[in-house]
C-alpha atoms as a PDB file:
ATOM      1  CA  MET A   1     -34.758  26.225  35.551  1.00  0.00           C
ATOM      2  CA  LYS A   2     -31.590  26.834  37.529  1.00  0.00           C
ATOM      3  CA  LYS A   3     -28.896  29.161  36.227  1.00  0.00           C
ATOM      4  CA  GLY A   4     -26.336  26.289  36.143  1.00  0.00           C
ATOM      5  CA  ASN A   5     -28.619  24.143  33.961  1.00  0.00           C
ATOM      6  CA  ILE A   6     -29.201  26.983  31.502  1.00  0.00           C
ATOM      7  CA  VAL A   7     -25.457  27.601  31.211  1.00  0.00           C
ATOM      8  CA  SER A   8     -24.846  23.890  30.634  1.00  0.00           C
ATOM      9  CA  ILE A   9     -27.509  23.731  27.918  1.00  0.00           C
ATOM     10  CA  LEU A  10     -26.140  26.842  26.210  1.00  0.00           C
ATOM     11  CA  MET A  11     -22.617  25.375  26.234  1.00  0.00           C
ATOM     12  CA  VAL A  12     -23.846  22.137  24.618  1.00  0.00           C
ATOM     13  CA  VAL A  13     -25.792  24.080  21.977  1.00  0.00           C
ATOM     14  CA  ALA A  14     -22.717  26.248  21.253  1.00  0.00           C
ATOM     15  CA  LEU A  15     -20.644  23.102  20.699  1.00  0.00           C
ATOM     16  CA  ILE A  16     -23.236  21.379  18.489  1.00  0.00           C
ATOM     17  CA  LEU A  17     -24.400  24.274  16.279  1.00  0.00           C
ATOM     18  CA  PRO A  18     -21.179  24.757  14.288  1.00  0.00           C
ATOM     19  CA  GLY A  19     -21.548  21.184  13.006  1.00  0.00           C
ATOM     20  CA  PHE A  20     -24.992  22.018  11.652  1.00  0.00           C
ATOM     21  CA  ALA A  21     -23.893  25.334  10.167  1.00  0.00           C
ATOM     22  CA  THR A  22     -21.364  23.753   7.807  1.00  0.00           C
ATOM     23  CA  ALA A  23     -22.730  21.113   5.478  1.00  0.00           C
ATOM     24  CA  SER A  24     -20.363  18.245   4.953  1.00  0.00           C
ATOM     25  CA  THR A  25     -20.028  15.651   2.219  1.00  0.00           C
ATOM     26  CA  THR A  26     -17.979  12.480   2.275  1.00  0.00           C
ATOM     27  CA  VAL A  27     -17.192  10.596  -0.926  1.00  0.00           C
ATOM     28  CA  THR A  28     -15.467   7.221  -1.009  1.00  0.00           C
ATOM     29  CA  LEU A  29     -13.586   6.135  -4.113  1.00  0.00           C
ATOM     30  CA  LYS A  30     -13.254   2.349  -4.258  1.00  0.00           C
ATOM     31  CA  GLY A  31     -10.777   0.329  -6.300  1.00  0.00           C
ATOM     32  CA  VAL A  32      -8.088   3.039  -6.417  1.00  0.00           C
ATOM     33  CA  HIS A  33      -4.551   1.951  -7.340  1.00  0.00           C
ATOM     34  CA  LEU A  34      -2.640   2.471  -4.057  1.00  0.00           C
ATOM     35  CA  CYS A  35       0.308   0.075  -4.356  1.00  0.00           C
ATOM     36  CA  CYS A  36       2.905   2.115  -2.463  1.00  0.00           C
ATOM     37  CA  LYS A  37       3.509   5.181  -0.331  1.00  0.00           C
ATOM     38  CA  GLY A  38       3.997   7.280  -3.483  1.00  0.00           C
ATOM     39  CA  CYS A  39       0.541   6.310  -4.742  1.00  0.00           C
ATOM     40  CA  VAL A  40      -1.110   6.940  -1.373  1.00  0.00           C
ATOM     41  CA  THR A  41       0.547  10.333  -0.987  1.00  0.00           C
ATOM     42  CA  GLY A  42      -0.241  11.284  -4.583  1.00  0.00           C
ATOM     43  CA  ALA A  43      -3.944  10.460  -4.338  1.00  0.00           C
ATOM     44  CA  VAL A  44      -4.426  12.128  -0.940  1.00  0.00           C
ATOM     45  CA  ASN A  45      -2.516  15.268  -1.945  1.00  0.00           C
ATOM     46  CA  ALA A  46      -4.467  15.530  -5.211  1.00  0.00           C
ATOM     47  CA  ALA A  47      -7.781  15.418  -3.331  1.00  0.00           C
ATOM     48  CA  LYS A  48      -6.631  18.104  -0.895  1.00  0.00           C
ATOM     49  CA  LYS A  49      -5.351  20.327  -3.716  1.00  0.00           C
ATOM     50  CA  GLY A  50      -8.746  19.827  -5.364  1.00  0.00           C
ATOM     51  CA  GLY A  51     -10.478  21.368  -2.369  1.00  0.00           C
ATOM     52  CA  ALA A  52     -11.082  18.490   0.031  1.00  0.00           C
ATOM     53  CA  SER A  53     -11.077  19.598   3.658  1.00  0.00           C
ATOM     54  CA  ASN A  54      -9.624  16.180   4.441  1.00  0.00           C
ATOM     55  CA  ALA A  55      -8.607  13.104   2.491  1.00  0.00           C
ATOM     56  CA  THR A  56      -7.394   9.744   3.699  1.00  0.00           C
ATOM     57  CA  ALA A  57      -6.405   6.525   1.994  1.00  0.00           C
ATOM     58  CA  LYS A  58      -6.914   2.926   2.988  1.00  0.00           C
ATOM     59  CA  PRO A  59      -4.432   1.067   0.757  1.00  0.00           C
ATOM     60  CA  GLN A  60      -5.505  -2.411   1.886  1.00  0.00           C
ATOM     61  CA  GLN A  61      -9.098  -1.659   0.876  1.00  0.00           C
ATOM     62  CA  ARG A  62      -8.001   0.374  -2.198  1.00  0.00           C
ATOM     63  CA  GLN A  63     -10.074   3.335  -1.004  1.00  0.00           C
ATOM     64  CA  VAL A  64      -9.680   7.094  -0.883  1.00  0.00           C
ATOM     65  CA  ILE A  65     -12.096   8.923   1.422  1.00  0.00           C
ATOM     66  CA  ILE A  66     -12.698  12.574   0.577  1.00  0.00           C
ATOM     67  CA  GLU A  67     -14.358  15.025   2.946  1.00  0.00           C
ATOM     68  CA  ALA A  68     -15.524  18.387   1.614  1.00  0.00           C
ATOM     69  CA  ALA A  69     -17.827  21.232   2.525  1.00  0.00           C
ATOM     70  CA  ASP A  70     -20.372  20.278  -0.151  1.00  0.00           C
ATOM     71  CA  VAL A  71     -20.939  17.990  -3.133  1.00  0.00           C
ATOM     72  CA  ALA A  72     -19.572  20.514  -5.653  1.00  0.00           C
ATOM     73  CA  THR A  73     -16.298  20.799  -3.737  1.00  0.00           C
ATOM     74  CA  ALA A  74     -16.151  17.017  -3.286  1.00  0.00           C
ATOM     75  CA  ASN A  75     -16.571  16.619  -7.053  1.00  0.00           C
ATOM     76  CA  LYS A  76     -13.671  19.028  -7.669  1.00  0.00           C
ATOM     77  CA  ALA A  77     -11.512  16.944  -5.330  1.00  0.00           C
ATOM     78  CA  VAL A  78     -12.571  13.710  -7.091  1.00  0.00           C
ATOM     79  CA  GLN A  79     -11.710  15.231 -10.490  1.00  0.00           C
ATOM     80  CA  ALA A  80      -8.319  16.293  -9.100  1.00  0.00           C
ATOM     81  CA  VAL A  81      -7.675  12.668  -8.076  1.00  0.00           C
ATOM     82  CA  ALA A  82      -8.516  11.602 -11.647  1.00  0.00           C
ATOM     83  CA  ALA A  83      -6.254  14.313 -13.086  1.00  0.00           C
ATOM     84  CA  ALA A  84      -3.445  12.926 -10.914  1.00  0.00           C
ATOM     85  CA  GLY A  85      -3.843   9.556 -12.661  1.00  0.00           C
ATOM     86  CA  TYR A  86      -6.042   7.565 -10.277  1.00  0.00           C
ATOM     87  CA  TYR A  87      -9.486   6.051 -10.678  1.00  0.00           C
ATOM     88  CA  GLY A  88     -11.982   4.851  -8.127  1.00  0.00           C
ATOM     89  CA  LYS A  89     -15.685   4.056  -8.326  1.00  0.00           C
ATOM     90  CA  SER A  90     -17.469   6.756  -6.360  1.00  0.00           C
ATOM     91  CA  ASP A  91     -20.236   6.058  -3.878  1.00  0.00           C
ATOM     92  CA  ASN A  92     -21.798   9.373  -4.967  1.00  0.00           C
ATOM     93  CA  PRO A  93     -22.883   9.755  -8.615  1.00  0.00           C
ATOM     94  CA  LYS A  94     -22.637  13.564  -8.293  1.00  0.00           C
ATOM     95  CA  ALA A  95     -18.901  13.224  -7.577  1.00  0.00           C
ATOM     96  CA  ALA A  96     -17.708  10.534  -9.974  1.00  0.00           C
ATOM     97  CA  ILE A  97     -14.960  10.065 -12.562  1.00  0.00           C
ATOM     98  CA  ALA A  98     -16.172   9.634 -16.147  1.00  0.00           C
ATOM     99  CA  ALA A  99     -14.297   7.668 -18.813  1.00  0.00           C
ATOM    100  CA  GLY A 100     -14.437  10.678 -21.129  1.00  0.00           C
ATOM    101  CA  VAL A 101     -13.642   8.788 -24.346  1.00  0.00           C
ATOM    102  CA  GLU A 102     -15.555   7.716 -27.422  1.00  0.00           C
ATOM    103  CA  ASP A 103     -16.434   4.101 -28.025  1.00  0.00           C
ATOM    104  CA  VAL A 104     -14.433   3.853 -31.262  1.00  0.00           C
ATOM    105  CA  LYS A 105     -12.151   1.107 -32.556  1.00  0.00           C
ATOM    106  CA  VAL A 106      -8.483   2.101 -33.015  1.00  0.00           C
ATOM    107  CA  THR A 107      -5.142   0.453 -33.769  1.00  0.00           C
ATOM    108  CA  SER A 108      -3.244   2.606 -31.290  1.00  0.00           C
ATOM    109  CA  ALA A 109      -3.893   5.129 -28.548  1.00  0.00           C
ATOM    110  CA  ASN A 110      -1.796   7.562 -26.566  1.00  0.00           C
ATOM    111  CA  VAL A 111      -2.391   7.687 -22.837  1.00  0.00           C
ATOM    112  CA  SER A 112      -1.155  10.534 -20.657  1.00  0.00           C
ATOM    113  CA  GLY A 113      -1.459  11.476 -17.020  1.00  0.00           C
ATOM    114  CA  VAL A 114      -1.579   7.964 -15.547  1.00  0.00           C
ATOM    115  CA  HIS A 115       0.168   7.768 -12.181  1.00  0.00           C
ATOM    116  CA  LEU A 116       3.267   5.614 -12.791  1.00  0.00           C
ATOM    117  CA  CYS A 117       5.553   6.151  -9.789  1.00  0.00           C
ATOM    118  CA  CYS A 118       6.934   2.609  -9.542  1.00  0.00           C
ATOM    119  CA  GLY A 119       7.187  -0.823 -11.117  1.00  0.00           C
ATOM    120  CA  LYS A 120       3.916  -1.953  -9.488  1.00  0.00           C
ATOM    121  CA  CYS A 121       2.112   0.903 -11.258  1.00  0.00           C
ATOM    122  CA  VAL A 122       3.567  -0.274 -14.580  1.00  0.00           C
ATOM    123  CA  ARG A 123       2.487  -3.834 -13.761  1.00  0.00           C
ATOM    124  CA  ALA A 124      -1.053  -2.506 -13.266  1.00  0.00           C
ATOM    125  CA  VAL A 125      -0.892  -1.118 -16.822  1.00  0.00           C
ATOM    126  CA  ASP A 126       0.473  -4.504 -17.963  1.00  0.00           C
ATOM    127  CA  LYS A 127      -2.568  -6.199 -16.438  1.00  0.00           C
ATOM    128  CA  ALA A 128      -4.996  -3.667 -17.950  1.00  0.00           C
ATOM    129  CA  VAL A 129      -3.537  -4.149 -21.438  1.00  0.00           C
ATOM    130  CA  GLU A 130      -3.445  -7.950 -21.038  1.00  0.00           C
ATOM    131  CA  ASN A 131      -7.171  -7.859 -20.191  1.00  0.00           C
ATOM    132  CA  LEU A 132      -8.002  -5.510 -23.079  1.00  0.00           C
ATOM    133  CA  LYS A 133      -9.458  -7.495 -25.966  1.00  0.00           C
ATOM    134  CA  GLY A 134      -7.428  -6.827 -29.121  1.00  0.00           C
ATOM    135  CA  ALA A 135      -4.518  -5.001 -27.466  1.00  0.00           C
ATOM    136  CA  SER A 136      -1.049  -6.267 -28.362  1.00  0.00           C
ATOM    137  CA  GLY A 137       1.239  -4.148 -26.200  1.00  0.00           C
ATOM    138  CA  HIS A 138       2.144  -0.866 -24.528  1.00  0.00           C
ATOM    139  CA  THR A 139       5.146   1.354 -23.892  1.00  0.00           C
ATOM    140  CA  ALA A 140       4.434   2.371 -20.268  1.00  0.00           C
ATOM    141  CA  GLU A 141       7.496   2.808 -18.069  1.00  0.00           C
ATOM    142  CA  LYS A 142       8.115   3.966 -14.535  1.00  0.00           C
ATOM    143  CA  LYS A 143       7.763   7.786 -14.244  1.00  0.00           C
ATOM    144  CA  ALA A 144       6.542   8.098 -17.865  1.00  0.00           C
ATOM    145  CA  ALA A 145       4.188  10.990 -18.576  1.00  0.00           C
ATOM    146  CA  THR A 146       2.712   9.244 -21.614  1.00  0.00           C
ATOM    147  CA  PHE A 147       2.632   5.804 -23.183  1.00  0.00           C
ATOM    148  CA  LYS A 148       1.173   4.131 -26.243  1.00  0.00           C
ATOM    149  CA  VAL A 149      -1.124   1.117 -26.463  1.00  0.00           C
ATOM    150  CA  THR A 150      -1.188  -0.836 -29.732  1.00  0.00           C
ATOM    151  CA  GLY A 151      -3.446  -3.488 -31.284  1.00  0.00           C
ATOM    152  CA  SER A 152      -7.077  -3.279 -32.375  1.00  0.00           C
ATOM    153  CA  PHE A 153      -9.336  -2.208 -29.533  1.00  0.00           C
ATOM    154  CA  SER A 154     -11.971   0.247 -28.353  1.00  0.00           C
ATOM    155  CA  LEU A 155     -10.910   3.482 -26.644  1.00  0.00           C
ATOM    156  CA  LYS A 156     -13.752   3.052 -24.162  1.00  0.00           C
ATOM    157  CA  ALA A 157     -12.606  -0.503 -23.399  1.00  0.00           C
ATOM    158  CA  LEU A 158      -9.062   0.816 -22.794  1.00  0.00           C
ATOM    159  CA  ALA A 159     -10.383   3.378 -20.299  1.00  0.00           C
ATOM    160  CA  GLU A 160     -12.436   0.671 -18.584  1.00  0.00           C
ATOM    161  CA  ALA A 161      -9.415  -1.668 -18.398  1.00  0.00           C
ATOM    162  CA  LEU A 162      -7.303   1.074 -16.782  1.00  0.00           C
ATOM    163  CA  HIS A 163     -10.164   1.889 -14.405  1.00  0.00           C
ATOM    164  CA  GLU A 164     -10.349  -1.784 -13.391  1.00  0.00           C
ATOM    165  CA  GLU A 165      -6.757  -1.395 -12.194  1.00  0.00           C
ATOM    166  CA  GLY A 166      -7.530   1.882 -10.377  1.00  0.00           C
ATOM    167  CA  LEU A 167      -5.793   4.102 -12.932  1.00  0.00           C
ATOM    168  CA  HIS A 168      -7.029   7.019 -15.015  1.00  0.00           C
ATOM    169  CA  GLY A 169      -5.553   8.990 -17.880  1.00  0.00           C
ATOM    170  CA  VAL A 170      -6.286  11.097 -20.911  1.00  0.00           C
ATOM    171  CA  ILE A 171      -6.702   8.787 -23.916  1.00  0.00           C
ATOM    172  CA  THR A 172      -6.335  10.066 -27.469  1.00  0.00           C
ATOM    173  CA  LYS A 173      -6.160   8.442 -30.919  1.00  0.00           C
END
């Protein structure tokens, strides 16, 4: 083999090997509430603060794509997105957002941590509550840290209704 060919092969190997040395995981969250620039920025920044090496949003498709070194780090980034008030169905069950509430019937519930940066976010809560069997109303407002849902409904069904709209929060009795 000629010296030039060996050098060329070694250069190609040197460029390819680093990609094999670092494992990479990509998780896509689908159905995320991304109605405005504030939502997009909030979800992407949350994923990066959670450890993602990169995160991008596709608002038209309601998707957040998270890239991380491994599944554990990707899961931390996904949980950070949830903690920031967003929900998306994960394409990886090892990096998914759980409802985290009991399936109990209540007459009211407090919800905190839902991302409510604008009127469209509040309208998403409106839609979730309208679709929640037994719910009669809510107190969500733009920029609110917490709100109350009233009626006669299941906590699990409330979480699922918020998730349908791409939102996530901490729900308590």
